[in-house]
N, C-alpha and C. Protein backbone atom coordinates (compact mmCIF):
# COMPACT_ATOMS: atom_id res chain seq x y z
N UNK A 1 81.11 117.24 121.97
CA UNK A 1 81.13 116.59 120.67
C UNK A 1 79.75 116.03 120.35
N UNK A 2 79.33 116.17 119.11
CA UNK A 2 78.02 115.67 118.69
C UNK A 2 78.03 114.15 118.61
N UNK A 3 76.88 113.58 118.90
CA UNK A 3 76.73 112.14 118.76
C UNK A 3 76.79 111.79 117.28
N UNK A 4 77.57 110.79 116.93
CA UNK A 4 77.72 110.37 115.53
C UNK A 4 76.75 109.24 115.23
N UNK A 5 76.36 109.14 113.97
CA UNK A 5 75.44 108.10 113.52
C UNK A 5 76.03 107.40 112.32
N UNK A 6 76.14 106.07 112.41
CA UNK A 6 76.66 105.29 111.30
C UNK A 6 75.71 105.35 110.12
N UNK A 7 76.28 105.32 108.93
CA UNK A 7 75.47 105.30 107.71
C UNK A 7 75.14 103.84 107.40
N UNK A 8 74.04 103.41 107.94
CA UNK A 8 73.51 102.07 107.71
C UNK A 8 72.03 102.12 108.05
N UNK A 9 71.27 101.27 107.39
CA UNK A 9 69.84 101.19 107.70
C UNK A 9 69.30 99.85 107.23
N UNK A 10 68.15 99.51 107.79
CA UNK A 10 67.46 98.29 107.45
C UNK A 10 66.24 98.66 106.62
N UNK A 11 66.05 97.98 105.50
CA UNK A 11 64.89 98.22 104.63
C UNK A 11 64.31 96.87 104.24
N UNK A 12 63.22 96.52 104.85
CA UNK A 12 62.55 95.27 104.51
C UNK A 12 63.41 94.04 104.75
N UNK A 13 64.21 94.04 105.79
CA UNK A 13 65.04 92.89 106.11
C UNK A 13 66.39 92.89 105.42
N UNK A 14 66.64 93.90 104.58
CA UNK A 14 67.93 94.03 103.91
C UNK A 14 68.71 95.15 104.60
N UNK A 15 69.96 94.89 104.94
CA UNK A 15 70.80 95.87 105.62
C UNK A 15 71.65 96.62 104.60
N UNK A 16 71.52 97.95 104.56
CA UNK A 16 72.41 98.77 103.74
C UNK A 16 73.55 99.25 104.63
N UNK A 17 74.76 99.27 104.07
CA UNK A 17 75.94 99.59 104.84
C UNK A 17 76.90 100.41 103.96
N UNK A 18 77.39 101.53 104.47
CA UNK A 18 78.44 102.28 103.79
C UNK A 18 79.73 102.02 104.54
N UNK A 19 80.70 101.42 103.85
CA UNK A 19 81.95 101.00 104.49
C UNK A 19 83.13 101.77 103.93
N UNK A 20 84.08 102.08 104.79
CA UNK A 20 85.32 102.74 104.43
C UNK A 20 86.44 101.73 104.65
N UNK A 21 87.31 101.55 103.65
CA UNK A 21 88.28 100.46 103.69
C UNK A 21 89.70 100.99 103.46
N UNK A 22 90.63 100.48 104.26
CA UNK A 22 92.04 100.84 104.17
C UNK A 22 92.81 99.78 103.40
N UNK A 23 93.46 100.18 102.33
CA UNK A 23 94.37 99.31 101.59
C UNK A 23 95.76 99.73 102.02
N UNK A 24 96.35 98.94 102.94
CA UNK A 24 97.67 99.25 103.49
C UNK A 24 98.67 98.24 102.96
N UNK A 25 99.54 98.72 102.09
CA UNK A 25 100.55 97.86 101.48
C UNK A 25 101.92 98.35 101.92
N UNK A 26 102.68 97.45 102.51
CA UNK A 26 104.06 97.73 102.93
C UNK A 26 104.96 96.74 102.19
N UNK A 27 105.70 97.23 101.22
CA UNK A 27 106.53 96.33 100.42
C UNK A 27 105.67 95.36 99.64
N UNK A 28 105.84 94.08 99.91
CA UNK A 28 105.05 93.05 99.22
C UNK A 28 103.98 92.45 100.13
N UNK A 29 103.61 93.19 101.20
CA UNK A 29 102.60 92.70 102.14
C UNK A 29 101.42 93.66 102.20
N UNK A 30 100.25 93.10 102.50
CA UNK A 30 99.04 93.89 102.70
C UNK A 30 98.46 93.52 104.07
N UNK A 31 97.85 94.50 104.74
CA UNK A 31 97.27 94.25 106.06
C UNK A 31 95.82 93.81 105.91
N UNK A 32 95.48 92.66 106.52
CA UNK A 32 94.11 92.16 106.56
C UNK A 32 93.72 91.99 108.03
N UNK A 33 92.43 91.83 108.27
CA UNK A 33 91.99 91.60 109.64
C UNK A 33 90.72 90.76 109.64
N UNK A 34 90.39 90.25 110.83
CA UNK A 34 89.14 89.52 111.02
C UNK A 34 88.75 89.61 112.48
N UNK A 35 87.46 89.49 112.72
CA UNK A 35 86.97 89.35 114.09
C UNK A 35 87.36 87.95 114.55
N UNK A 36 87.75 87.82 115.80
CA UNK A 36 88.31 86.56 116.31
C UNK A 36 87.42 85.34 116.02
N UNK A 37 86.11 85.38 116.16
CA UNK A 37 85.37 84.14 115.89
C UNK A 37 85.16 83.83 114.41
N UNK A 38 85.48 84.74 113.51
CA UNK A 38 85.21 84.54 112.08
C UNK A 38 86.24 83.65 111.42
N UNK A 39 85.86 83.05 110.28
CA UNK A 39 86.79 82.19 109.53
C UNK A 39 87.20 82.83 108.21
N UNK A 40 86.96 84.13 108.04
CA UNK A 40 87.35 84.83 106.82
C UNK A 40 88.06 86.13 107.19
N UNK A 41 88.80 86.67 106.22
CA UNK A 41 89.55 87.90 106.40
C UNK A 41 88.96 88.99 105.52
N UNK A 42 89.26 90.23 105.83
CA UNK A 42 88.90 91.36 105.00
C UNK A 42 89.95 92.45 105.20
N UNK A 43 89.91 93.44 104.34
CA UNK A 43 90.77 94.59 104.55
C UNK A 43 90.18 95.41 105.68
N UNK A 44 91.02 96.04 106.52
CA UNK A 44 90.50 96.78 107.68
C UNK A 44 89.69 98.00 107.25
N UNK A 45 88.77 98.38 108.11
CA UNK A 45 87.94 99.55 107.85
C UNK A 45 86.76 99.56 108.79
N UNK A 46 85.75 100.31 108.41
CA UNK A 46 84.57 100.40 109.24
C UNK A 46 83.50 101.22 108.56
N UNK A 47 82.47 101.50 109.31
CA UNK A 47 81.33 102.24 108.75
C UNK A 47 81.57 103.74 108.81
N UNK A 48 81.03 104.40 107.81
CA UNK A 48 81.09 105.86 107.76
C UNK A 48 80.05 106.43 108.73
N UNK A 49 80.29 107.63 109.19
CA UNK A 49 79.36 108.36 110.06
C UNK A 49 78.78 109.52 109.28
N UNK A 50 77.56 109.92 109.64
CA UNK A 50 76.94 111.10 109.03
C UNK A 50 77.78 112.33 109.31
N UNK A 51 77.88 113.21 108.35
CA UNK A 51 78.55 114.51 108.45
C UNK A 51 80.06 114.42 108.69
N UNK A 52 80.67 113.30 108.31
CA UNK A 52 82.13 113.23 108.30
C UNK A 52 82.53 112.76 106.91
N UNK A 53 83.65 113.28 106.40
CA UNK A 53 84.10 112.85 105.09
C UNK A 53 84.57 111.40 105.18
N UNK A 54 84.63 110.75 104.03
CA UNK A 54 85.10 109.36 103.99
C UNK A 54 86.53 109.26 104.53
N UNK A 55 87.39 110.21 104.17
CA UNK A 55 88.77 110.19 104.66
C UNK A 55 88.81 110.37 106.18
N UNK A 56 88.03 111.30 106.70
CA UNK A 56 87.98 111.50 108.16
C UNK A 56 87.48 110.23 108.85
N UNK A 57 86.45 109.63 108.28
CA UNK A 57 85.89 108.42 108.87
C UNK A 57 86.88 107.27 108.88
N UNK A 58 87.62 107.11 107.80
CA UNK A 58 88.59 106.01 107.75
C UNK A 58 89.74 106.26 108.73
N UNK A 59 90.19 107.51 108.83
CA UNK A 59 91.24 107.83 109.82
C UNK A 59 90.73 107.55 111.23
N UNK A 60 89.47 107.88 111.51
CA UNK A 60 88.88 107.61 112.83
C UNK A 60 88.83 106.11 113.09
N UNK A 61 88.36 105.35 112.11
CA UNK A 61 88.27 103.89 112.26
C UNK A 61 89.63 103.27 112.53
N UNK A 62 90.66 103.72 111.82
CA UNK A 62 92.00 103.17 112.02
C UNK A 62 92.55 103.55 113.40
N UNK A 63 92.22 104.74 113.88
CA UNK A 63 92.63 105.13 115.24
C UNK A 63 91.93 104.23 116.26
N UNK A 64 90.64 103.95 116.03
CA UNK A 64 89.88 103.08 116.95
C UNK A 64 90.43 101.66 116.95
N UNK A 65 90.72 101.13 115.76
CA UNK A 65 91.14 99.73 115.65
C UNK A 65 92.62 99.51 115.91
N UNK A 66 93.47 100.45 115.46
CA UNK A 66 94.91 100.27 115.53
C UNK A 66 95.60 101.16 116.55
N UNK A 67 94.86 102.13 117.08
CA UNK A 67 95.43 103.11 118.00
C UNK A 67 96.64 103.80 117.37
N UNK A 68 96.51 104.09 116.07
CA UNK A 68 97.59 104.72 115.31
C UNK A 68 96.99 105.73 114.34
N UNK A 69 97.63 106.88 114.26
CA UNK A 69 97.22 107.89 113.28
C UNK A 69 97.81 107.47 111.93
N UNK A 70 96.95 107.36 110.93
CA UNK A 70 97.37 106.94 109.60
C UNK A 70 97.18 108.09 108.63
N UNK A 71 97.80 107.97 107.46
CA UNK A 71 97.57 108.94 106.39
C UNK A 71 96.67 108.29 105.35
N UNK A 72 95.49 108.88 105.16
CA UNK A 72 94.54 108.37 104.18
C UNK A 72 94.83 109.05 102.85
N UNK A 73 95.25 108.25 101.89
CA UNK A 73 95.62 108.77 100.57
C UNK A 73 94.45 108.79 99.61
N UNK A 74 94.76 108.50 98.36
CA UNK A 74 93.75 108.64 97.31
C UNK A 74 92.74 107.49 97.30
N UNK A 75 91.59 107.79 96.76
CA UNK A 75 90.54 106.79 96.58
C UNK A 75 90.97 105.85 95.46
N UNK A 76 90.92 104.55 95.75
CA UNK A 76 91.31 103.54 94.76
C UNK A 76 90.11 102.95 94.04
N UNK A 77 89.11 102.51 94.81
CA UNK A 77 87.96 101.83 94.23
C UNK A 77 86.70 102.20 94.99
N UNK A 78 85.59 102.17 94.27
CA UNK A 78 84.26 102.18 94.88
C UNK A 78 83.65 100.85 94.51
N UNK A 79 83.26 100.06 95.52
CA UNK A 79 82.79 98.70 95.27
C UNK A 79 81.39 98.54 95.82
N UNK A 80 80.49 98.09 94.98
CA UNK A 80 79.13 97.75 95.41
C UNK A 80 79.11 96.25 95.62
N UNK A 81 78.70 95.82 96.80
CA UNK A 81 78.82 94.42 97.18
C UNK A 81 77.49 93.93 97.74
N UNK A 82 77.04 92.77 97.29
CA UNK A 82 75.86 92.11 97.80
C UNK A 82 76.29 90.81 98.46
N UNK A 83 75.88 90.59 99.69
CA UNK A 83 76.28 89.37 100.38
C UNK A 83 75.30 89.09 101.51
N UNK A 84 75.43 87.91 102.09
CA UNK A 84 74.62 87.53 103.24
C UNK A 84 75.55 87.29 104.42
N UNK A 85 75.18 87.80 105.58
CA UNK A 85 75.98 87.62 106.78
C UNK A 85 75.04 87.39 107.95
N UNK A 86 75.23 86.30 108.66
CA UNK A 86 74.38 85.97 109.80
C UNK A 86 72.91 85.83 109.42
N UNK A 87 72.66 85.37 108.18
CA UNK A 87 71.29 85.19 107.73
C UNK A 87 70.62 86.45 107.21
N UNK A 88 71.33 87.57 107.22
CA UNK A 88 70.78 88.85 106.76
C UNK A 88 71.40 89.23 105.43
N UNK A 89 70.59 89.57 104.43
CA UNK A 89 71.16 90.05 103.17
C UNK A 89 71.66 91.49 103.33
N UNK A 90 72.82 91.77 102.74
CA UNK A 90 73.44 93.09 102.80
C UNK A 90 73.62 93.67 101.42
N UNK A 91 73.48 94.97 101.33
CA UNK A 91 73.83 95.76 100.16
C UNK A 91 74.84 96.78 100.68
N UNK A 92 76.09 96.65 100.25
CA UNK A 92 77.16 97.47 100.80
C UNK A 92 77.78 98.32 99.70
N UNK A 93 78.02 99.57 100.03
CA UNK A 93 78.77 100.47 99.17
C UNK A 93 80.05 100.79 99.92
N UNK A 94 81.20 100.42 99.34
CA UNK A 94 82.48 100.55 100.05
C UNK A 94 83.45 101.42 99.26
N UNK A 95 84.16 102.28 100.00
CA UNK A 95 85.16 103.18 99.43
C UNK A 95 86.53 102.71 99.90
N UNK A 96 87.38 102.28 98.96
CA UNK A 96 88.70 101.75 99.25
C UNK A 96 89.75 102.84 99.02
N UNK A 97 90.50 103.18 100.07
CA UNK A 97 91.53 104.21 100.01
C UNK A 97 92.90 103.60 100.24
N UNK A 98 93.90 104.16 99.56
CA UNK A 98 95.28 103.82 99.85
C UNK A 98 95.63 104.50 101.18
N UNK A 99 96.15 103.73 102.14
CA UNK A 99 96.43 104.23 103.48
C UNK A 99 97.86 103.86 103.86
N UNK A 100 98.57 104.80 104.48
CA UNK A 100 99.92 104.50 104.94
C UNK A 100 100.01 104.65 106.45
N UNK A 101 100.81 103.77 107.03
CA UNK A 101 101.10 103.80 108.46
C UNK A 101 102.38 104.63 108.62
N UNK A 102 102.50 105.40 109.69
CA UNK A 102 103.71 106.21 109.87
C UNK A 102 104.98 105.36 109.77
N UNK A 103 106.02 105.91 109.13
CA UNK A 103 107.30 105.18 109.03
C UNK A 103 107.82 104.80 110.42
N UNK A 104 108.34 103.59 110.51
CA UNK A 104 108.89 103.11 111.78
C UNK A 104 107.86 102.64 112.78
N UNK A 105 106.58 102.61 112.39
CA UNK A 105 105.53 102.17 113.31
C UNK A 105 105.78 100.72 113.73
N UNK A 106 105.53 100.45 114.99
CA UNK A 106 105.68 99.09 115.51
C UNK A 106 104.74 98.13 114.78
N UNK A 107 103.64 98.63 114.22
CA UNK A 107 102.68 97.77 113.53
C UNK A 107 103.28 97.11 112.28
N UNK A 108 104.23 97.77 111.65
CA UNK A 108 104.83 97.19 110.45
C UNK A 108 105.93 96.18 110.78
N UNK A 109 106.34 96.12 112.03
CA UNK A 109 107.40 95.18 112.43
C UNK A 109 106.85 93.88 112.98
N UNK A 110 105.54 93.78 113.13
CA UNK A 110 104.91 92.55 113.63
C UNK A 110 104.16 91.89 112.48
N UNK A 111 104.21 90.57 112.40
CA UNK A 111 103.43 89.86 111.38
C UNK A 111 101.96 89.81 111.74
N UNK A 112 101.67 89.68 113.03
CA UNK A 112 100.30 89.62 113.50
C UNK A 112 100.19 90.40 114.81
N UNK A 113 99.04 91.01 115.03
CA UNK A 113 98.79 91.74 116.25
C UNK A 113 97.28 91.86 116.46
N UNK A 114 96.90 92.26 117.66
CA UNK A 114 95.48 92.35 118.03
C UNK A 114 95.03 93.79 118.09
N UNK A 115 93.73 93.96 117.93
CA UNK A 115 93.08 95.26 118.08
C UNK A 115 91.68 95.03 118.60
N UNK A 116 90.97 96.10 118.88
CA UNK A 116 89.60 96.00 119.39
C UNK A 116 88.76 97.11 118.79
N UNK A 117 87.48 96.81 118.62
CA UNK A 117 86.53 97.84 118.27
C UNK A 117 85.16 97.43 118.78
N UNK A 118 84.54 98.33 119.51
CA UNK A 118 83.20 98.10 120.05
C UNK A 118 83.09 96.75 120.75
N UNK A 119 84.10 96.40 121.55
CA UNK A 119 84.09 95.17 122.31
C UNK A 119 84.40 93.92 121.52
N UNK A 120 84.74 94.06 120.25
CA UNK A 120 85.07 92.91 119.42
C UNK A 120 86.58 92.82 119.28
N UNK A 121 87.13 91.63 119.59
CA UNK A 121 88.56 91.43 119.42
C UNK A 121 88.87 91.19 117.95
N UNK A 122 89.87 91.90 117.43
CA UNK A 122 90.27 91.78 116.04
C UNK A 122 91.68 91.22 115.96
N UNK A 123 91.93 90.40 114.95
CA UNK A 123 93.27 89.92 114.66
C UNK A 123 93.71 90.54 113.34
N UNK A 124 94.87 91.18 113.36
CA UNK A 124 95.45 91.79 112.16
C UNK A 124 96.62 90.93 111.71
N UNK A 125 96.79 90.83 110.39
CA UNK A 125 97.83 89.98 109.83
C UNK A 125 98.40 90.64 108.58
N UNK A 126 99.72 90.76 108.52
CA UNK A 126 100.39 91.18 107.30
C UNK A 126 100.57 89.95 106.43
N UNK A 127 100.04 89.98 105.21
CA UNK A 127 100.06 88.83 104.31
C UNK A 127 100.84 89.20 103.05
N UNK A 128 101.70 88.30 102.60
CA UNK A 128 102.36 88.51 101.32
C UNK A 128 101.31 88.53 100.23
N UNK A 129 101.43 89.48 99.31
CA UNK A 129 100.44 89.61 98.25
C UNK A 129 100.28 88.31 97.47
N UNK A 130 101.36 87.58 97.28
CA UNK A 130 101.29 86.31 96.55
C UNK A 130 100.56 85.21 97.28
N UNK A 131 100.32 85.38 98.58
CA UNK A 131 99.65 84.36 99.38
C UNK A 131 98.14 84.60 99.54
N UNK A 132 97.63 85.68 98.99
CA UNK A 132 96.21 86.01 99.18
C UNK A 132 95.27 84.96 98.59
N UNK A 133 95.68 84.32 97.50
CA UNK A 133 94.81 83.31 96.88
C UNK A 133 94.57 82.11 97.78
N UNK A 134 95.42 81.89 98.77
CA UNK A 134 95.29 80.72 99.63
C UNK A 134 94.42 80.98 100.86
N UNK A 135 93.86 82.18 100.97
CA UNK A 135 93.04 82.49 102.15
C UNK A 135 91.64 82.92 101.73
N UNK A 136 90.71 82.84 102.66
CA UNK A 136 89.35 83.31 102.41
C UNK A 136 89.32 84.79 102.74
N UNK A 137 89.17 85.62 101.70
CA UNK A 137 89.21 87.07 101.83
C UNK A 137 87.99 87.65 101.14
N UNK A 138 87.25 88.50 101.83
CA UNK A 138 86.05 89.14 101.26
C UNK A 138 86.18 90.65 101.28
N UNK A 139 85.65 91.34 100.25
CA UNK A 139 85.23 90.75 98.97
C UNK A 139 86.42 90.19 98.22
N UNK A 140 86.16 89.21 97.38
CA UNK A 140 87.23 88.42 96.78
C UNK A 140 87.96 89.13 95.64
N UNK A 141 87.45 90.23 95.12
CA UNK A 141 88.09 90.86 93.97
C UNK A 141 89.54 91.27 94.27
N UNK A 142 89.85 91.56 95.52
CA UNK A 142 91.20 92.02 95.87
C UNK A 142 92.24 90.91 95.73
N UNK A 143 91.81 89.67 95.72
CA UNK A 143 92.75 88.56 95.63
C UNK A 143 93.42 88.47 94.27
N UNK A 144 92.83 89.04 93.24
CA UNK A 144 93.44 89.02 91.92
C UNK A 144 94.64 89.96 91.91
N UNK A 145 95.73 89.53 91.36
CA UNK A 145 96.96 90.32 91.41
C UNK A 145 96.81 91.67 90.72
N UNK A 146 95.92 91.79 89.75
CA UNK A 146 95.72 93.08 89.09
C UNK A 146 95.09 94.06 90.06
N UNK A 147 94.15 93.61 90.86
CA UNK A 147 93.50 94.50 91.82
C UNK A 147 94.46 94.92 92.92
N UNK A 148 95.46 94.08 93.20
CA UNK A 148 96.42 94.40 94.25
C UNK A 148 97.33 95.55 93.86
N UNK A 149 97.43 95.86 92.58
CA UNK A 149 98.28 96.97 92.16
C UNK A 149 97.55 98.26 92.49
N UNK A 150 97.57 98.62 93.75
CA UNK A 150 96.75 99.69 94.29
C UNK A 150 97.10 101.06 93.74
N UNK A 151 97.94 101.14 92.78
CA UNK A 151 98.21 102.42 92.16
C UNK A 151 98.04 102.36 90.67
N UNK A 152 97.68 101.19 90.15
CA UNK A 152 97.55 101.00 88.72
C UNK A 152 96.32 101.72 88.20
N UNK A 153 96.46 102.50 87.15
CA UNK A 153 95.35 103.25 86.59
C UNK A 153 94.72 102.58 85.38
N UNK A 154 95.03 101.33 85.13
CA UNK A 154 94.44 100.64 83.98
C UNK A 154 93.15 99.94 84.39
N UNK A 155 92.32 99.65 83.40
CA UNK A 155 91.09 98.92 83.68
C UNK A 155 91.41 97.47 83.98
N UNK A 156 90.52 96.82 84.65
CA UNK A 156 90.75 95.45 85.09
C UNK A 156 89.47 94.65 84.90
N UNK A 157 89.60 93.48 84.32
CA UNK A 157 88.47 92.58 84.18
C UNK A 157 88.80 91.30 84.92
N UNK A 158 87.92 90.91 85.80
CA UNK A 158 88.16 89.72 86.62
C UNK A 158 88.11 88.47 85.76
N UNK A 159 89.05 87.55 85.96
CA UNK A 159 88.97 86.28 85.24
C UNK A 159 87.76 85.45 85.68
N UNK A 160 87.19 85.76 86.84
CA UNK A 160 86.01 85.04 87.31
C UNK A 160 84.76 85.51 86.56
N UNK A 161 84.85 86.61 85.84
CA UNK A 161 83.82 87.16 84.97
C UNK A 161 82.52 87.48 85.71
N UNK A 162 82.55 87.58 87.04
CA UNK A 162 81.34 87.94 87.77
C UNK A 162 81.27 89.44 88.03
N UNK A 163 82.34 90.14 87.76
CA UNK A 163 82.32 91.58 87.91
C UNK A 163 83.45 92.22 87.12
N UNK A 164 83.31 93.49 86.90
CA UNK A 164 84.33 94.25 86.19
C UNK A 164 84.72 95.41 87.08
N UNK A 165 85.97 95.69 87.19
CA UNK A 165 86.44 96.86 87.91
C UNK A 165 87.01 97.78 86.85
N UNK A 166 86.43 98.96 86.68
CA UNK A 166 86.90 99.83 85.62
C UNK A 166 87.32 101.18 86.18
N UNK A 167 88.29 101.77 85.55
CA UNK A 167 88.84 103.05 86.00
C UNK A 167 88.05 104.19 85.39
N UNK A 168 87.59 105.10 86.22
CA UNK A 168 86.97 106.34 85.77
C UNK A 168 87.74 107.46 86.45
N UNK A 169 88.79 107.93 85.81
CA UNK A 169 89.68 108.88 86.46
C UNK A 169 90.51 108.13 87.47
N UNK A 170 90.37 108.45 88.75
CA UNK A 170 91.11 107.74 89.78
C UNK A 170 90.19 106.91 90.67
N UNK A 171 88.95 106.73 90.26
CA UNK A 171 88.01 105.93 91.04
C UNK A 171 87.73 104.63 90.30
N UNK A 172 87.55 103.57 91.05
CA UNK A 172 87.18 102.29 90.48
C UNK A 172 85.78 101.94 90.95
N UNK A 173 85.05 101.26 90.10
CA UNK A 173 83.69 100.88 90.45
C UNK A 173 83.50 99.42 90.10
N UNK A 174 82.95 98.67 90.99
CA UNK A 174 82.63 97.26 90.72
C UNK A 174 81.28 97.26 90.04
N UNK A 175 81.24 96.75 88.81
CA UNK A 175 80.02 96.77 88.02
C UNK A 175 79.63 95.33 87.72
N UNK A 176 78.49 94.85 88.26
CA UNK A 176 78.07 93.48 87.98
C UNK A 176 77.83 93.25 86.49
N UNK A 177 78.22 92.09 85.97
CA UNK A 177 78.01 91.77 84.57
C UNK A 177 76.93 90.71 84.41
N UNK A 178 77.07 89.60 85.14
CA UNK A 178 76.08 88.54 85.07
C UNK A 178 75.28 88.53 86.37
N UNK A 179 73.98 88.26 86.27
CA UNK A 179 73.11 88.20 87.43
C UNK A 179 73.32 89.41 88.34
N UNK A 180 72.99 90.62 87.84
CA UNK A 180 73.26 91.82 88.61
C UNK A 180 72.46 91.93 89.90
N UNK A 181 71.39 91.17 90.02
CA UNK A 181 70.58 91.23 91.23
C UNK A 181 70.86 90.00 92.08
N UNK A 182 70.98 90.18 93.38
CA UNK A 182 71.19 89.01 94.25
C UNK A 182 69.97 88.10 94.21
N UNK A 183 70.16 86.85 94.58
CA UNK A 183 69.08 85.88 94.49
C UNK A 183 67.90 86.24 95.39
N UNK A 184 68.13 87.02 96.45
CA UNK A 184 67.04 87.38 97.35
C UNK A 184 66.26 88.58 96.84
N UNK A 185 66.67 89.21 95.73
CA UNK A 185 65.98 90.36 95.16
C UNK A 185 64.81 89.88 94.34
N UNK A 186 63.56 90.18 94.76
CA UNK A 186 62.38 89.59 94.13
C UNK A 186 61.66 90.51 93.15
N UNK A 187 61.99 91.78 93.10
CA UNK A 187 61.30 92.70 92.19
C UNK A 187 61.71 92.46 90.76
N UNK A 188 60.78 92.76 89.81
CA UNK A 188 61.13 92.55 88.38
C UNK A 188 62.17 93.54 87.90
């Protein structure tokens, strides 16, 4: 097997990252996860590898983290995200897919369970969609109930007015409206 290379690079102290994200909804619950030392949650996923499709990469990541073969469905959103983590500014391009766990999987019968990836212990948690507003979840756009309708084909405007998620066919794109450049971006 060929050695795989993650799609990420450093450019002048800024880390670019291509992320693949699983939106797993079972009934009225969604699966979130976090690294054990962190104080925030996110939807599960990982980095894409060169020469693998986004769907293949997400299936690989879920096998690594959950030890379960999942079905990667349609692309829901493409989100461009700017954030700082560990003192490093990030520019992330993330592809959010609807993902299903095999029927009868033990993972859907537990409220919380553990996983591992690259030596990092992960905690997974099934959260009621109505409870997402009470937790720290990044990126935060998913906490809005309109964004949670992972099959809705209508356009969505965030009440926070810091971004717009719009439908272009079956893909969504996060488009900054105010202050499109992060504060660390110094070019005119």
